């Protein structure tokens, strides 16, 4: 694998992972603000309602997936702006 491809893989993955982590943190903060309770992270807890578990899974999953796509898109735009060409293809 060439050096440019390796740099792109690291940059793209780092942007996607970082954006996903921020999105999950943001989704948790929004959940706490909206419902005045912690997100249901432990499904084994007897006090957890399944409707909250499913809602949290949907909300956090969407936020993280969306943020990862946006993060990777920003990384590719940054690559194009800096180097004047598309990132290396898979």
N, C-alpha and C. Protein backbone atom coordinates (compact mmCIF):
# COMPACT_ATOMS: atom_id res chain seq x y z
N UNK A 1 0.85 -1.17 0.00
CA UNK A 1 0.00 0.00 0.00
C UNK A 1 0.90 1.24 0.00
N UNK A 2 0.51 2.22 -0.78
CA UNK A 2 1.36 3.40 -0.87
C UNK A 2 1.10 4.37 0.30
N UNK A 3 1.99 5.30 0.44
CA UNK A 3 1.95 6.23 1.57
C UNK A 3 0.70 7.10 1.55
N UNK A 4 0.31 7.60 0.38
CA UNK A 4 -0.86 8.46 0.27
C UNK A 4 -2.13 7.72 0.70
N UNK A 5 -2.25 6.49 0.30
CA UNK A 5 -3.42 5.67 0.68
C UNK A 5 -3.45 5.46 2.19
N UNK A 6 -2.30 5.20 2.79
CA UNK A 6 -2.22 5.01 4.23
C UNK A 6 -2.63 6.28 4.98
N UNK A 7 -2.15 7.42 4.52
CA UNK A 7 -2.51 8.70 5.14
C UNK A 7 -4.01 8.93 5.02
N UNK A 8 -4.58 8.65 3.84
CA UNK A 8 -6.02 8.85 3.67
C UNK A 8 -6.82 7.93 4.59
N UNK A 9 -6.42 6.67 4.70
CA UNK A 9 -7.13 5.75 5.59
C UNK A 9 -7.12 6.25 7.04
N UNK A 10 -5.98 6.74 7.49
CA UNK A 10 -5.88 7.26 8.85
C UNK A 10 -6.71 8.52 9.03
N UNK A 11 -6.63 9.43 8.07
CA UNK A 11 -7.38 10.68 8.15
C UNK A 11 -8.89 10.42 8.11
N UNK A 12 -9.33 9.61 7.16
CA UNK A 12 -10.76 9.31 7.03
C UNK A 12 -11.31 8.58 8.24
N UNK A 13 -10.57 7.60 8.72
CA UNK A 13 -11.02 6.84 9.89
C UNK A 13 -11.02 7.72 11.13
N UNK A 14 -10.00 8.51 11.30
CA UNK A 14 -9.93 9.41 12.46
C UNK A 14 -11.07 10.41 12.47
N UNK A 15 -11.39 10.97 11.31
CA UNK A 15 -12.49 11.92 11.22
C UNK A 15 -13.82 11.24 11.53
N UNK A 16 -14.03 10.05 11.00
CA UNK A 16 -15.28 9.33 11.24
C UNK A 16 -15.42 8.93 12.70
N UNK A 17 -14.36 8.43 13.29
CA UNK A 17 -14.41 8.00 14.70
C UNK A 17 -14.61 9.20 15.61
N UNK A 18 -13.87 10.26 15.37
CA UNK A 18 -14.02 11.47 16.19
C UNK A 18 -15.42 12.06 16.10
N UNK A 19 -15.95 12.13 14.90
CA UNK A 19 -17.30 12.66 14.74
C UNK A 19 -18.32 11.77 15.42
N UNK A 20 -18.14 10.47 15.33
CA UNK A 20 -19.05 9.54 15.99
C UNK A 20 -19.03 9.68 17.50
N UNK A 21 -17.83 9.86 18.06
CA UNK A 21 -17.72 10.03 19.51
C UNK A 21 -18.40 11.32 19.96
N UNK A 22 -18.19 12.40 19.22
CA UNK A 22 -18.84 13.66 19.56
C UNK A 22 -20.36 13.56 19.43
N UNK A 23 -20.82 12.85 18.41
CA UNK A 23 -22.27 12.70 18.22
C UNK A 23 -22.89 11.90 19.35
N UNK A 24 -22.23 10.85 19.78
CA UNK A 24 -22.77 10.06 20.89
C UNK A 24 -22.83 10.89 22.17
N UNK A 25 -21.80 11.67 22.41
CA UNK A 25 -21.79 12.55 23.58
C UNK A 25 -22.91 13.59 23.48
N UNK A 26 -23.09 14.15 22.28
CA UNK A 26 -24.16 15.13 22.07
C UNK A 26 -25.54 14.52 22.21
N UNK A 27 -25.71 13.31 21.70
CA UNK A 27 -27.00 12.62 21.83
C UNK A 27 -27.31 12.36 23.30
N UNK A 28 -26.31 11.99 24.07
CA UNK A 28 -26.50 11.76 25.50
C UNK A 28 -26.91 13.04 26.22
N UNK A 29 -26.27 14.15 25.87
CA UNK A 29 -26.61 15.43 26.49
C UNK A 29 -28.03 15.85 26.11
N UNK A 30 -28.41 15.65 24.86
CA UNK A 30 -29.77 15.99 24.43
C UNK A 30 -30.80 15.12 25.14
N UNK A 31 -30.49 13.83 25.30
CA UNK A 31 -31.39 12.92 26.01
C UNK A 31 -31.59 13.38 27.46
N UNK A 32 -30.48 13.71 28.12
CA UNK A 32 -30.57 14.16 29.52
C UNK A 32 -31.37 15.46 29.64
N UNK A 33 -31.17 16.36 28.71
CA UNK A 33 -31.89 17.63 28.75
C UNK A 33 -33.37 17.44 28.47
N UNK A 34 -33.70 16.60 27.50
CA UNK A 34 -35.10 16.41 27.11
C UNK A 34 -35.89 15.61 28.14
N UNK A 35 -35.27 14.57 28.71
CA UNK A 35 -36.01 13.66 29.60
C UNK A 35 -35.61 13.77 31.06
N UNK A 36 -34.60 14.59 31.36
CA UNK A 36 -34.12 14.76 32.72
C UNK A 36 -33.75 13.42 33.36
N UNK A 37 -33.10 12.57 32.58
CA UNK A 37 -32.61 11.27 33.07
C UNK A 37 -31.45 10.83 32.20
N UNK A 38 -30.69 9.89 32.70
CA UNK A 38 -29.55 9.35 31.95
C UNK A 38 -30.06 8.44 30.83
N UNK A 39 -29.33 8.37 29.72
CA UNK A 39 -29.71 7.42 28.66
C UNK A 39 -29.64 5.99 29.20
N UNK A 40 -30.51 5.11 28.73
CA UNK A 40 -30.54 3.73 29.23
C UNK A 40 -29.41 2.89 28.63
N UNK A 41 -28.25 2.93 29.25
CA UNK A 41 -27.08 2.23 28.72
C UNK A 41 -26.99 0.79 29.19
N UNK A 42 -27.60 0.47 30.32
CA UNK A 42 -27.52 -0.88 30.88
C UNK A 42 -28.88 -1.56 30.75
N UNK A 43 -29.04 -2.40 29.74
CA UNK A 43 -30.34 -3.04 29.52
C UNK A 43 -30.66 -4.09 30.56
N UNK A 44 -29.68 -4.52 31.34
CA UNK A 44 -29.94 -5.50 32.40
C UNK A 44 -30.59 -4.87 33.63
N UNK A 45 -30.55 -3.56 33.73
CA UNK A 45 -31.13 -2.86 34.87
C UNK A 45 -32.66 -3.03 34.87
N UNK A 46 -33.21 -3.43 35.99
CA UNK A 46 -34.66 -3.68 36.08
C UNK A 46 -35.49 -2.41 35.92
N UNK A 47 -34.91 -1.27 36.21
CA UNK A 47 -35.66 -0.02 36.13
C UNK A 47 -35.73 0.56 34.72
N UNK A 48 -35.04 -0.05 33.79
CA UNK A 48 -35.01 0.46 32.42
C UNK A 48 -36.26 0.02 31.66
N UNK A 49 -36.89 0.98 31.00
CA UNK A 49 -38.06 0.67 30.17
C UNK A 49 -37.59 0.35 28.76
N UNK A 50 -38.18 -0.69 28.19
CA UNK A 50 -37.76 -1.10 26.84
C UNK A 50 -38.04 -0.02 25.81
N UNK A 51 -39.09 0.75 25.99
CA UNK A 51 -39.36 1.83 25.04
C UNK A 51 -38.22 2.84 25.06
N UNK A 52 -37.64 3.09 26.24
CA UNK A 52 -36.50 4.01 26.32
C UNK A 52 -35.25 3.39 25.71
N UNK A 53 -35.05 2.10 25.93
CA UNK A 53 -33.90 1.41 25.34
C UNK A 53 -33.95 1.48 23.82
N UNK A 54 -35.10 1.18 23.26
CA UNK A 54 -35.24 1.19 21.80
C UNK A 54 -35.13 2.61 21.24
N UNK A 55 -35.72 3.57 21.94
CA UNK A 55 -35.61 4.97 21.49
C UNK A 55 -34.16 5.43 21.54
N UNK A 56 -33.45 5.08 22.61
CA UNK A 56 -32.04 5.47 22.72
C UNK A 56 -31.21 4.82 21.62
N UNK A 57 -31.46 3.55 21.34
CA UNK A 57 -30.73 2.85 20.28
C UNK A 57 -30.95 3.54 18.93
N UNK A 58 -32.19 3.92 18.66
CA UNK A 58 -32.49 4.58 17.38
C UNK A 58 -31.86 5.96 17.31
N UNK A 59 -32.01 6.75 18.35
CA UNK A 59 -31.49 8.12 18.34
C UNK A 59 -29.97 8.13 18.29
N UNK A 60 -29.34 7.37 19.17
CA UNK A 60 -27.88 7.39 19.20
C UNK A 60 -27.29 6.76 17.94
N UNK A 61 -27.92 5.69 17.45
CA UNK A 61 -27.43 5.07 16.23
C UNK A 61 -27.50 6.00 15.04
N UNK A 62 -28.62 6.71 14.89
CA UNK A 62 -28.76 7.66 13.80
C UNK A 62 -27.73 8.77 13.92
N UNK A 63 -27.61 9.34 15.12
CA UNK A 63 -26.67 10.45 15.31
C UNK A 63 -25.24 10.05 15.00
N UNK A 64 -24.83 8.89 15.48
CA UNK A 64 -23.46 8.44 15.26
C UNK A 64 -23.22 8.14 13.78
N UNK A 65 -24.15 7.44 13.13
CA UNK A 65 -23.99 7.12 11.71
C UNK A 65 -23.94 8.39 10.86
N UNK A 66 -24.84 9.32 11.14
CA UNK A 66 -24.87 10.58 10.40
C UNK A 66 -23.57 11.35 10.58
N UNK A 67 -23.11 11.44 11.82
CA UNK A 67 -21.88 12.17 12.09
C UNK A 67 -20.67 11.53 11.43
N UNK A 68 -20.63 10.20 11.39
CA UNK A 68 -19.50 9.53 10.74
C UNK A 68 -19.47 9.83 9.25
N UNK A 69 -20.64 9.85 8.62
CA UNK A 69 -20.70 10.18 7.19
C UNK A 69 -20.25 11.62 6.97
N UNK A 70 -20.74 12.53 7.80
CA UNK A 70 -20.35 13.93 7.67
C UNK A 70 -18.85 14.10 7.94
N UNK A 71 -18.34 13.44 8.96
CA UNK A 71 -16.92 13.53 9.27
C UNK A 71 -16.05 13.05 8.13
N UNK A 72 -16.44 11.95 7.54
CA UNK A 72 -15.67 11.42 6.39
C UNK A 72 -15.79 12.36 5.19
N UNK A 73 -16.97 12.95 5.00
CA UNK A 73 -17.15 13.91 3.91
C UNK A 73 -16.30 15.14 4.09
N UNK A 74 -16.23 15.65 5.32
CA UNK A 74 -15.39 16.81 5.61
C UNK A 74 -13.92 16.46 5.38
N UNK A 75 -13.52 15.26 5.78
CA UNK A 75 -12.14 14.84 5.55
C UNK A 75 -11.82 14.78 4.06
N UNK A 76 -12.76 14.27 3.25
CA UNK A 76 -12.49 14.20 1.81
C UNK A 76 -12.47 15.59 1.17
N UNK A 77 -13.33 16.49 1.65
CA UNK A 77 -13.28 17.87 1.13
C UNK A 77 -11.97 18.55 1.52
N UNK A 78 -11.51 18.31 2.72
CA UNK A 78 -10.24 18.86 3.17
C UNK A 78 -9.09 18.32 2.32
N UNK A 79 -9.14 17.03 2.02
CA UNK A 79 -8.13 16.40 1.17
C UNK A 79 -8.11 17.07 -0.22
N UNK A 80 -9.31 17.22 -0.80
CA UNK A 80 -9.40 17.83 -2.14
C UNK A 80 -8.90 19.27 -2.12
N UNK A 81 -9.25 20.01 -1.08
CA UNK A 81 -8.82 21.40 -0.99
C UNK A 81 -7.30 21.50 -0.82
N UNK A 82 -6.74 20.63 -0.01
CA UNK A 82 -5.30 20.68 0.27
C UNK A 82 -4.46 20.17 -0.89
N UNK A 83 -4.93 19.10 -1.56
CA UNK A 83 -4.09 18.46 -2.58
C UNK A 83 -4.59 18.64 -4.01
N UNK A 84 -5.82 19.12 -4.16
CA UNK A 84 -6.35 19.36 -5.50
C UNK A 84 -6.80 18.11 -6.23
N UNK A 85 -6.99 17.02 -5.52
CA UNK A 85 -7.46 15.78 -6.15
C UNK A 85 -8.26 14.97 -5.12
N UNK A 86 -9.03 14.01 -5.62
CA UNK A 86 -9.82 13.17 -4.74
C UNK A 86 -8.94 12.28 -3.89
N UNK A 87 -9.47 11.86 -2.72
CA UNK A 87 -8.72 10.88 -1.92
C UNK A 87 -8.55 9.57 -2.68
N UNK A 88 -7.56 8.79 -2.34
CA UNK A 88 -7.35 7.50 -3.02
C UNK A 88 -8.59 6.60 -2.90
N UNK A 89 -8.91 5.91 -3.97
CA UNK A 89 -10.06 4.99 -3.98
C UNK A 89 -9.70 3.71 -3.25
N UNK A 90 -10.71 2.99 -2.86
CA UNK A 90 -10.47 1.71 -2.15
C UNK A 90 -9.83 0.70 -3.00
